């Protein structure tokens, strides 16, 4: 009995620590190898929570391009772990685990990288004739650039806010404001 409890304890505490790196984004090659499917999709709509796993959000998406997996998929249900997807936006989705649902199958992402928002200015025509690895590199590079641009804009906004807050603190602390 003690041996079984020890085995259960080890499985619940030690093994998950080793499973986490297996899902982390370490390389494009690793994602290509581990994903059962890789798609470029456009989100059509959020599905009602009652239709998805454990009441979490799932999204219906139109398949724009299949990079890996069955090429006959027209739509997918996607369950993002951490992201809220936006209807009308395009995403790169890695299917790591199909989840059976009453109305079909939903693909669970890994929560680390996938789904990857594809910048609106990115042309899918750039992917034609490229290997899966090259296509992923182009999309991920474009997203990285977009994130850098967003961070610069946010940093400028943050500096302006911080400056205003600091000025207000100085005014509140000055004897003439009392």
C-alpha atoms as a PDB file:
ATOM      1  CA  UNK A   1       0.000   0.000   0.000  1.00  0.00           C
ATOM      2  CA  UNK A   2       2.815   2.413   0.880  1.00  0.00           C
ATOM      3  CA  UNK A   3       4.551   1.584  -2.386  1.00  0.00           C
ATOM      4  CA  UNK A   4       1.401   2.414  -4.355  1.00  0.00           C
ATOM      5  CA  UNK A   5       0.971   5.701  -2.518  1.00  0.00           C
ATOM      6  CA  UNK A   6       4.608   6.559  -3.191  1.00  0.00           C
ATOM      7  CA  UNK A   7       4.180   5.724  -6.884  1.00  0.00           C
ATOM      8  CA  UNK A   8       1.040   7.890  -7.084  1.00  0.00           C
ATOM      9  CA  UNK A   9       2.863  10.727  -5.311  1.00  0.00           C
ATOM     10  CA  UNK A  10       5.783  10.511  -7.754  1.00  0.00           C
ATOM     11  CA  UNK A  11       3.431  10.458 -10.753  1.00  0.00           C
ATOM     12  CA  UNK A  12       1.547  13.513  -9.508  1.00  0.00           C
ATOM     13  CA  UNK A  13       4.562  15.588  -8.467  1.00  0.00           C
ATOM     14  CA  UNK A  14       7.631  14.610 -10.470  1.00  0.00           C
ATOM     15  CA  UNK A  15       6.288  13.591 -13.878  1.00  0.00           C
ATOM     16  CA  UNK A  16       4.397  16.835 -14.605  1.00  0.00           C
ATOM     17  CA  UNK A  17       7.675  18.756 -14.181  1.00  0.00           C
ATOM     18  CA  UNK A  18       9.165  16.652 -16.982  1.00  0.00           C
ATOM     19  CA  UNK A  19       6.040  16.960 -19.132  1.00  0.00           C
ATOM     20  CA  UNK A  20       6.128  20.771 -19.128  1.00  0.00           C
ATOM     21  CA  UNK A  21       9.307  21.062 -21.248  1.00  0.00           C
ATOM     22  CA  UNK A  22       7.775  18.616 -23.733  1.00  0.00           C
ATOM     23  CA  UNK A  23       5.109  21.190 -24.568  1.00  0.00           C
ATOM     24  CA  UNK A  24       7.345  24.265 -24.464  1.00  0.00           C
ATOM     25  CA  UNK A  25       8.410  25.913 -27.702  1.00  0.00           C
ATOM     26  CA  UNK A  26      12.022  24.910 -28.132  1.00  0.00           C
ATOM     27  CA  UNK A  27      12.279  24.782 -31.911  1.00  0.00           C
ATOM     28  CA  UNK A  28      10.249  24.819 -35.087  1.00  0.00           C
ATOM     29  CA  UNK A  29      11.429  21.274 -35.849  1.00  0.00           C
ATOM     30  CA  UNK A  30      10.064  20.110 -32.483  1.00  0.00           C
ATOM     31  CA  UNK A  31       6.655  21.643 -33.162  1.00  0.00           C
ATOM     32  CA  UNK A  32       6.482  20.126 -36.642  1.00  0.00           C
ATOM     33  CA  UNK A  33       7.373  16.721 -35.222  1.00  0.00           C
ATOM     34  CA  UNK A  34       4.968  16.794 -32.262  1.00  0.00           C
ATOM     35  CA  UNK A  35       1.907  18.506 -33.712  1.00  0.00           C
ATOM     36  CA  UNK A  36      -0.697  16.207 -35.205  1.00  0.00           C
ATOM     37  CA  UNK A  37      -1.889  19.058 -37.392  1.00  0.00           C
ATOM     38  CA  UNK A  38      -0.767  22.576 -38.276  1.00  0.00           C
ATOM     39  CA  UNK A  39      -3.207  25.002 -39.866  1.00  0.00           C
ATOM     40  CA  UNK A  40      -3.618  28.623 -40.808  1.00  0.00           C
ATOM     41  CA  UNK A  41      -7.164  29.541 -39.854  1.00  0.00           C
ATOM     42  CA  UNK A  42      -9.507  32.489 -39.722  1.00  0.00           C
ATOM     43  CA  UNK A  43     -11.730  32.522 -36.661  1.00  0.00           C
ATOM     44  CA  UNK A  44     -15.409  32.538 -37.617  1.00  0.00           C
ATOM     45  CA  UNK A  45     -17.033  32.707 -34.182  1.00  0.00           C
ATOM     46  CA  UNK A  46     -16.766  31.790 -30.539  1.00  0.00           C
ATOM     47  CA  UNK A  47     -18.800  28.710 -29.776  1.00  0.00           C
ATOM     48  CA  UNK A  48     -21.038  28.664 -26.731  1.00  0.00           C
ATOM     49  CA  UNK A  49     -19.243  27.501 -23.579  1.00  0.00           C
ATOM     50  CA  UNK A  50     -21.692  24.625 -23.209  1.00  0.00           C
ATOM     51  CA  UNK A  51     -20.334  23.160 -26.462  1.00  0.00           C
ATOM     52  CA  UNK A  52     -16.707  23.246 -25.391  1.00  0.00           C
ATOM     53  CA  UNK A  53     -14.545  21.393 -22.939  1.00  0.00           C
ATOM     54  CA  UNK A  54     -15.314  22.086 -19.284  1.00  0.00           C
ATOM     55  CA  UNK A  55     -17.251  25.213 -20.214  1.00  0.00           C
ATOM     56  CA  UNK A  56     -14.132  26.967 -21.551  1.00  0.00           C
ATOM     57  CA  UNK A  57     -14.139  28.914 -24.770  1.00  0.00           C
ATOM     58  CA  UNK A  58     -13.816  27.178 -28.078  1.00  0.00           C
ATOM     59  CA  UNK A  59     -13.743  28.836 -31.461  1.00  0.00           C
ATOM     60  CA  UNK A  60     -14.941  27.767 -34.859  1.00  0.00           C
ATOM     61  CA  UNK A  61     -12.357  28.569 -37.516  1.00  0.00           C
ATOM     62  CA  UNK A  62     -12.234  28.296 -41.301  1.00  0.00           C
ATOM     63  CA  UNK A  63      -9.108  26.511 -42.532  1.00  0.00           C
ATOM     64  CA  UNK A  64      -7.232  28.766 -44.951  1.00  0.00           C
ATOM     65  CA  UNK A  65      -4.248  26.464 -45.375  1.00  0.00           C
ATOM     66  CA  UNK A  66      -3.103  23.098 -44.027  1.00  0.00           C
ATOM     67  CA  UNK A  67       0.607  22.865 -43.320  1.00  0.00           C
ATOM     68  CA  UNK A  68       0.477  19.421 -41.721  1.00  0.00           C
ATOM     69  CA  UNK A  69      -2.358  16.941 -41.265  1.00  0.00           C
ATOM     70  CA  UNK A  70      -5.473  16.032 -43.196  1.00  0.00           C
ATOM     71  CA  UNK A  71      -5.834  18.441 -46.096  1.00  0.00           C
ATOM     72  CA  UNK A  72      -9.609  18.019 -46.368  1.00  0.00           C
ATOM     73  CA  UNK A  73     -10.456  19.980 -43.197  1.00  0.00           C
ATOM     74  CA  UNK A  74     -12.741  22.934 -44.019  1.00  0.00           C
ATOM     75  CA  UNK A  75     -13.348  24.107 -40.451  1.00  0.00           C
ATOM     76  CA  UNK A  76     -11.823  23.390 -37.049  1.00  0.00           C
ATOM     77  CA  UNK A  77     -12.893  23.889 -33.476  1.00  0.00           C
ATOM     78  CA  UNK A  78      -9.981  25.333 -31.517  1.00  0.00           C
ATOM     79  CA  UNK A  79      -9.669  25.517 -27.727  1.00  0.00           C
ATOM     80  CA  UNK A  80      -6.937  28.005 -26.825  1.00  0.00           C
ATOM     81  CA  UNK A  81      -5.391  27.488 -23.389  1.00  0.00           C
ATOM     82  CA  UNK A  82      -4.555  31.120 -22.562  1.00  0.00           C
ATOM     83  CA  UNK A  83      -5.672  33.306 -25.466  1.00  0.00           C
ATOM     84  CA  UNK A  84      -8.994  34.798 -26.387  1.00  0.00           C
ATOM     85  CA  UNK A  85      -9.301  34.570 -30.157  1.00  0.00           C
ATOM     86  CA  UNK A  86     -10.954  37.286 -32.218  1.00  0.00           C
ATOM     87  CA  UNK A  87     -13.441  36.482 -34.995  1.00  0.00           C
ATOM     88  CA  UNK A  88     -12.177  37.683 -38.367  1.00  0.00           C
ATOM     89  CA  UNK A  89      -8.511  37.354 -37.349  1.00  0.00           C
ATOM     90  CA  UNK A  90      -6.060  34.788 -38.701  1.00  0.00           C
ATOM     91  CA  UNK A  91      -4.023  32.429 -36.556  1.00  0.00           C
ATOM     92  CA  UNK A  92      -1.414  29.725 -36.919  1.00  0.00           C
ATOM     93  CA  UNK A  93      -2.744  26.757 -34.942  1.00  0.00           C
ATOM     94  CA  UNK A  94      -0.772  23.723 -33.820  1.00  0.00           C
ATOM     95  CA  UNK A  95      -3.044  20.778 -33.024  1.00  0.00           C
ATOM     96  CA  UNK A  96      -1.459  18.865 -30.178  1.00  0.00           C
ATOM     97  CA  UNK A  97      -4.472  17.001 -28.953  1.00  0.00           C
ATOM     98  CA  UNK A  98      -7.895  16.353 -30.409  1.00  0.00           C
ATOM     99  CA  UNK A  99     -10.579  16.650 -27.734  1.00  0.00           C
ATOM    100  CA  UNK A 100     -13.780  14.688 -28.396  1.00  0.00           C
ATOM    101  CA  UNK A 101     -16.862  16.849 -27.927  1.00  0.00           C
ATOM    102  CA  UNK A 102     -20.542  15.994 -28.442  1.00  0.00           C
ATOM    103  CA  UNK A 103     -20.633  17.924 -31.742  1.00  0.00           C
ATOM    104  CA  UNK A 104     -17.238  16.697 -33.039  1.00  0.00           C
ATOM    105  CA  UNK A 105     -13.576  17.217 -32.308  1.00  0.00           C
ATOM    106  CA  UNK A 106     -11.849  20.318 -30.991  1.00  0.00           C
ATOM    107  CA  UNK A 107      -8.112  20.885 -31.178  1.00  0.00           C
ATOM    108  CA  UNK A 108      -6.366  21.911 -27.976  1.00  0.00           C
ATOM    109  CA  UNK A 109      -3.339  24.141 -28.362  1.00  0.00           C
ATOM    110  CA  UNK A 110      -0.331  23.991 -26.073  1.00  0.00           C
ATOM    111  CA  UNK A 111      -0.733  27.420 -24.509  1.00  0.00           C
ATOM    112  CA  UNK A 112       2.931  28.262 -24.971  1.00  0.00           C
ATOM    113  CA  UNK A 113       2.996  29.640 -28.494  1.00  0.00           C
ATOM    114  CA  UNK A 114      -0.122  28.433 -30.257  1.00  0.00           C
ATOM    115  CA  UNK A 115      -2.345  29.930 -31.533  1.00  0.00           C
ATOM    116  CA  UNK A 116      -0.058  32.516 -33.121  1.00  0.00           C
ATOM    117  CA  UNK A 117      -1.772  35.672 -34.336  1.00  0.00           C
ATOM    118  CA  UNK A 118      -0.853  36.353 -37.963  1.00  0.00           C
ATOM    119  CA  UNK A 119      -0.302  40.055 -38.639  1.00  0.00           C
ATOM    120  CA  UNK A 120      -3.008  41.556 -40.892  1.00  0.00           C
ATOM    121  CA  UNK A 121      -0.311  42.818 -43.290  1.00  0.00           C
ATOM    122  CA  UNK A 122       1.183  39.334 -43.733  1.00  0.00           C
ATOM    123  CA  UNK A 123       0.389  37.874 -47.168  1.00  0.00           C
ATOM    124  CA  UNK A 124      -0.196  34.135 -47.268  1.00  0.00           C
ATOM    125  CA  UNK A 125       1.116  34.224 -50.855  1.00  0.00           C
ATOM    126  CA  UNK A 126       4.614  34.499 -49.319  1.00  0.00           C
ATOM    127  CA  UNK A 127       4.238  30.886 -48.175  1.00  0.00           C
ATOM    128  CA  UNK A 128       3.727  29.355 -51.623  1.00  0.00           C
ATOM    129  CA  UNK A 129       6.408  26.880 -52.643  1.00  0.00           C
ATOM    130  CA  UNK A 130       8.043  26.891 -49.200  1.00  0.00           C
ATOM    131  CA  UNK A 131       8.613  23.934 -46.887  1.00  0.00           C
ATOM    132  CA  UNK A 132       6.555  23.664 -43.696  1.00  0.00           C
ATOM    133  CA  UNK A 133       9.590  24.787 -41.693  1.00  0.00           C
ATOM    134  CA  UNK A 134      10.125  27.828 -43.929  1.00  0.00           C
ATOM    135  CA  UNK A 135       6.432  28.730 -43.731  1.00  0.00           C
ATOM    136  CA  UNK A 136       6.465  28.549 -39.944  1.00  0.00           C
ATOM    137  CA  UNK A 137       9.661  30.623 -39.804  1.00  0.00           C
ATOM    138  CA  UNK A 138       8.092  33.342 -41.952  1.00  0.00           C
ATOM    139  CA  UNK A 139       4.910  33.509 -39.859  1.00  0.00           C
ATOM    140  CA  UNK A 140       6.740  33.443 -36.520  1.00  0.00           C
ATOM    141  CA  UNK A 141       9.209  36.107 -37.694  1.00  0.00           C
ATOM    142  CA  UNK A 142       6.366  38.364 -38.842  1.00  0.00           C
ATOM    143  CA  UNK A 143       4.615  37.935 -35.481  1.00  0.00           C
ATOM    144  CA  UNK A 144       7.839  38.668 -33.603  1.00  0.00           C
ATOM    145  CA  UNK A 145       8.248  41.933 -35.529  1.00  0.00           C
ATOM    146  CA  UNK A 146       4.620  42.844 -34.801  1.00  0.00           C
ATOM    147  CA  UNK A 147       5.142  42.177 -31.071  1.00  0.00           C
ATOM    148  CA  UNK A 148       8.280  44.377 -31.091  1.00  0.00           C
ATOM    149  CA  UNK A 149       6.269  47.214 -32.683  1.00  0.00           C
ATOM    150  CA  UNK A 150       3.472  46.805 -30.126  1.00  0.00           C
ATOM    151  CA  UNK A 151       6.001  46.850 -27.278  1.00  0.00           C
ATOM    152  CA  UNK A 152       7.528  50.101 -28.598  1.00  0.00           C
ATOM    153  CA  UNK A 153       4.093  51.752 -28.773  1.00  0.00           C
ATOM    154  CA  UNK A 154       3.215  50.528 -25.292  1.00  0.00           C
ATOM    155  CA  UNK A 155       6.561  51.722 -23.903  1.00  0.00           C
ATOM    156  CA  UNK A 156       5.898  55.217 -25.283  1.00  0.00           C
ATOM    157  CA  UNK A 157       2.425  55.232 -23.734  1.00  0.00           C
ATOM    158  CA  UNK A 158       3.803  53.958 -20.421  1.00  0.00           C
ATOM    159  CA  UNK A 159       6.469  56.690 -20.298  1.00  0.00           C
ATOM    160  CA  UNK A 160       3.806  59.371 -20.880  1.00  0.00           C
ATOM    161  CA  UNK A 161       1.545  57.915 -18.160  1.00  0.00           C
ATOM    162  CA  UNK A 162       4.426  57.543 -15.692  1.00  0.00           C
ATOM    163  CA  UNK A 163       5.534  61.117 -16.377  1.00  0.00           C
ATOM    164  CA  UNK A 164       1.998  62.421 -15.746  1.00  0.00           C
ATOM    165  CA  UNK A 165       1.660  60.402 -12.536  1.00  0.00           C
ATOM    166  CA  UNK A 166       5.030  61.636 -11.279  1.00  0.00           C
ATOM    167  CA  UNK A 167       4.092  65.251 -12.069  1.00  0.00           C
ATOM    168  CA  UNK A 168       0.799  64.781 -10.200  1.00  0.00           C
ATOM    169  CA  UNK A 169       2.633  63.366  -7.157  1.00  0.00           C
ATOM    170  CA  UNK A 170       4.923  66.400  -7.152  1.00  0.00           C
ATOM    171  CA  UNK A 171       1.934  68.760  -7.336  1.00  0.00           C
ATOM    172  CA  UNK A 172       0.120  66.921  -4.555  1.00  0.00           C
ATOM    173  CA  UNK A 173       3.251  67.054  -2.371  1.00  0.00           C
ATOM    174  CA  UNK A 174       3.951  70.772  -2.880  1.00  0.00           C
ATOM    175  CA  UNK A 175       2.860  73.063  -0.024  1.00  0.00           C
ATOM    176  CA  UNK A 176       1.022  75.422  -2.377  1.00  0.00           C
ATOM    177  CA  UNK A 177      -1.463  72.700  -3.393  1.00  0.00           C
ATOM    178  CA  UNK A 178      -2.823  72.330   0.143  1.00  0.00           C
END
